[in-house]
């Protein structure tokens, strides 16, 4: 298996169709549905279609660039990470990450975000990254802040904020 990069505890790689069941189940978790409600898949077919799309994007080296996150110790798929272009500016990306509940609270998200930020800046030459977090998702805010992302503004009315609570926007310039 080819890994894009590794951290102390994680391996980050392209998705494979065999990841569909685990990815689908990870995105059904209540925490995912609560904090990133637009990231749940309707069924296994949609999940497989998303994986094919992610693999094509990675193979073609274009955004969105979404990768699988596995635990080194077991090889288990425990999350995903990716970047996408900020609308209207190809020199800036929004970064996202998620670790399934079973492995939350172990510092993996912080480790992942640090490594993914370095990977994106080195691979794509993009030096401005944003993290968007739904108000109330304090764990994700801490992950961003531990990695040097700074709060820049609050946004209301975003389509990925179905509750209308507001999105906190963080920025990092590398």
Protein backbone atom coordinates (compact mmCIF):
# COMPACT_ATOMS: atom_id res chain seq x y z
CA UNK A 1 0.00 0.00 0.00
CA UNK A 2 1.29 3.45 -0.92
CA UNK A 3 1.15 6.07 1.80
CA UNK A 4 1.14 9.79 1.05
CA UNK A 5 2.70 10.60 4.42
CA UNK A 6 2.96 9.30 7.96
CA UNK A 7 2.96 10.74 11.44
CA UNK A 8 3.97 9.14 14.72
CA UNK A 9 0.68 7.22 15.01
CA UNK A 10 -1.05 7.62 11.64
CA UNK A 11 -0.66 6.72 7.97
CA UNK A 12 -2.37 8.84 5.37
CA UNK A 13 -3.17 7.30 1.98
CA UNK A 14 -5.51 7.29 -0.97
CA UNK A 15 -8.89 5.75 -0.35
CA UNK A 16 -9.70 2.30 -1.72
CA UNK A 17 -13.12 0.87 -2.55
CA UNK A 18 -12.60 -1.58 0.33
CA UNK A 19 -12.78 1.42 2.70
CA UNK A 20 -16.43 2.11 1.80
CA UNK A 21 -18.08 0.28 4.69
CA UNK A 22 -15.85 1.85 7.33
CA UNK A 23 -16.04 5.33 5.77
CA UNK A 24 -19.83 5.06 5.58
CA UNK A 25 -20.07 3.96 9.22
CA UNK A 26 -17.63 6.64 10.43
CA UNK A 27 -19.73 9.33 8.77
CA UNK A 28 -22.92 8.01 10.39
CA UNK A 29 -21.56 8.75 13.86
CA UNK A 30 -23.58 11.29 15.83
CA UNK A 31 -20.60 13.62 16.27
CA UNK A 32 -20.03 13.78 12.51
CA UNK A 33 -23.70 14.35 11.80
CA UNK A 34 -23.79 17.04 14.49
CA UNK A 35 -20.68 19.02 13.50
CA UNK A 36 -20.47 18.39 9.76
CA UNK A 37 -23.98 17.35 8.75
CA UNK A 38 -23.33 17.62 5.01
CA UNK A 39 -20.62 14.94 5.26
CA UNK A 40 -22.82 11.88 5.81
CA UNK A 41 -23.38 9.52 2.89
CA UNK A 42 -26.89 8.35 1.97
CA UNK A 43 -25.87 4.73 1.38
CA UNK A 44 -22.99 2.47 0.37
CA UNK A 45 -23.36 3.31 -3.32
CA UNK A 46 -22.94 7.01 -2.60
CA UNK A 47 -19.94 6.21 -0.40
CA UNK A 48 -18.32 4.14 -3.16
CA UNK A 49 -18.98 6.91 -5.67
CA UNK A 50 -17.35 9.43 -3.34
CA UNK A 51 -14.31 7.19 -2.93
CA UNK A 52 -13.93 6.84 -6.71
CA UNK A 53 -14.15 10.62 -7.04
CA UNK A 54 -11.57 11.15 -4.27
CA UNK A 55 -9.17 8.66 -5.87
CA UNK A 56 -9.54 10.32 -9.28
CA UNK A 57 -8.80 13.73 -7.79
CA UNK A 58 -5.72 12.45 -5.96
CA UNK A 59 -4.49 10.63 -9.07
CA UNK A 60 -4.96 13.78 -11.16
CA UNK A 61 -3.45 15.95 -8.39
CA UNK A 62 -6.35 18.39 -8.23
CA UNK A 63 -8.75 19.61 -5.60
CA UNK A 64 -10.68 18.46 -3.70
CA UNK A 65 -7.88 16.29 -2.35
CA UNK A 66 -9.33 13.83 0.18
CA UNK A 67 -7.31 11.11 1.89
CA UNK A 68 -7.90 8.17 4.21
CA UNK A 69 -6.40 8.14 7.72
CA UNK A 70 -5.44 4.86 9.28
CA UNK A 71 -3.96 3.95 12.63
CA UNK A 72 -0.40 2.67 12.17
CA UNK A 73 -0.69 0.12 14.94
CA UNK A 74 -3.69 -1.72 13.46
CA UNK A 75 -4.15 -0.46 9.89
CA UNK A 76 -7.75 0.45 10.79
CA UNK A 77 -9.39 3.33 8.91
CA UNK A 78 -10.10 5.88 11.66
CA UNK A 79 -10.80 9.06 9.74
CA UNK A 80 -10.25 11.23 6.72
CA UNK A 81 -8.76 14.55 5.79
CA UNK A 82 -8.79 16.82 2.81
CA UNK A 83 -8.52 20.24 1.28
CA UNK A 84 -10.64 22.11 -1.19
CA UNK A 85 -10.21 25.40 -2.97
CA UNK A 86 -11.63 28.47 -1.28
CA UNK A 87 -14.28 29.73 -3.66
CA UNK A 88 -12.85 32.34 -5.96
CA UNK A 89 -9.22 31.95 -4.87
CA UNK A 90 -7.10 29.08 -6.15
CA UNK A 91 -4.19 30.08 -3.88
CA UNK A 92 -6.13 29.33 -0.70
CA UNK A 93 -7.68 26.12 0.59
CA UNK A 94 -10.05 25.03 3.29
CA UNK A 95 -8.75 22.09 5.27
CA UNK A 96 -10.90 19.46 6.93
CA UNK A 97 -10.28 16.46 9.14
CA UNK A 98 -12.18 13.93 11.14
CA UNK A 99 -11.33 11.09 13.49
CA UNK A 100 -14.03 8.55 14.42
CA UNK A 101 -15.39 8.69 17.96
CA UNK A 102 -13.68 5.49 19.10
CA UNK A 103 -10.31 7.21 18.64
CA UNK A 104 -11.21 10.79 19.57
CA UNK A 105 -9.42 12.41 22.46
CA UNK A 106 -6.05 10.78 21.76
CA UNK A 107 -4.44 13.73 19.97
CA UNK A 108 -4.78 12.13 16.54
CA UNK A 109 -6.70 15.07 15.02
CA UNK A 110 -4.02 17.51 16.19
CA UNK A 111 -1.27 15.27 14.80
CA UNK A 112 -3.21 14.84 11.55
CA UNK A 113 -3.88 18.54 11.02
CA UNK A 114 -0.21 19.42 11.59
CA UNK A 115 0.96 16.85 9.05
CA UNK A 116 -1.77 17.62 6.51
CA UNK A 117 -1.00 21.35 6.70
CA UNK A 118 2.67 20.60 5.97
CA UNK A 119 1.75 18.17 3.18
CA UNK A 120 -0.57 20.64 1.47
CA UNK A 121 1.88 23.52 1.59
CA UNK A 122 4.69 21.32 0.29
CA UNK A 123 2.67 19.48 -2.37
CA UNK A 124 0.53 22.28 -3.75
CA UNK A 125 2.59 25.33 -2.81
CA UNK A 126 -0.46 26.82 -1.12
CA UNK A 127 0.41 28.94 1.89
CA UNK A 128 -2.99 30.15 3.09
CA UNK A 129 -5.22 27.58 4.74
CA UNK A 130 -8.58 28.01 6.42
CA UNK A 131 -10.43 25.87 8.89
CA UNK A 132 -14.18 26.31 9.31
CA UNK A 133 -15.79 25.06 12.49
CA UNK A 134 -19.40 25.14 13.55
CA UNK A 135 -19.85 27.26 16.67
CA UNK A 136 -19.85 24.95 19.69
CA UNK A 137 -17.38 22.42 18.29
CA UNK A 138 -14.80 23.28 20.92
CA UNK A 139 -12.67 20.18 20.34
CA UNK A 140 -12.10 21.13 16.71
CA UNK A 141 -11.36 24.73 17.70
CA UNK A 142 -8.63 23.46 20.06
CA UNK A 143 -7.14 21.33 17.27
CA UNK A 144 -6.93 24.35 14.97
CA UNK A 145 -5.48 26.60 17.66
CA UNK A 146 -2.86 24.01 18.70
CA UNK A 147 -1.70 24.02 15.08
CA UNK A 148 -1.31 27.78 14.84
CA UNK A 149 -4.56 28.58 13.06
CA UNK A 150 -5.91 31.94 14.21
CA UNK A 151 -9.52 33.03 14.49
CA UNK A 152 -10.38 35.62 11.82
CA UNK A 153 -14.17 35.94 11.73
CA UNK A 154 -17.56 34.41 12.29
CA UNK A 155 -19.80 33.63 9.34
CA UNK A 156 -23.57 33.24 9.35
CA UNK A 157 -25.89 31.82 6.71
CA UNK A 158 -23.49 29.22 5.33
CA UNK A 159 -25.15 26.19 3.74
CA UNK A 160 -23.04 23.86 5.88
CA UNK A 161 -24.47 25.48 9.04
CA UNK A 162 -28.02 24.11 9.05
CA UNK A 163 -28.60 25.15 12.67
CA UNK A 164 -27.79 28.82 12.07
CA UNK A 165 -25.33 28.91 14.98
CA UNK A 166 -22.51 30.40 12.93
CA UNK A 167 -19.24 29.13 11.56
CA UNK A 168 -15.94 30.13 13.13
CA UNK A 169 -13.28 30.79 10.51
CA UNK A 170 -9.62 30.16 11.33
CA UNK A 171 -6.63 30.94 9.13
CA UNK A 172 -3.01 29.90 8.90
CA UNK A 173 -0.40 31.42 6.67
CA UNK A 174 2.68 29.28 6.15
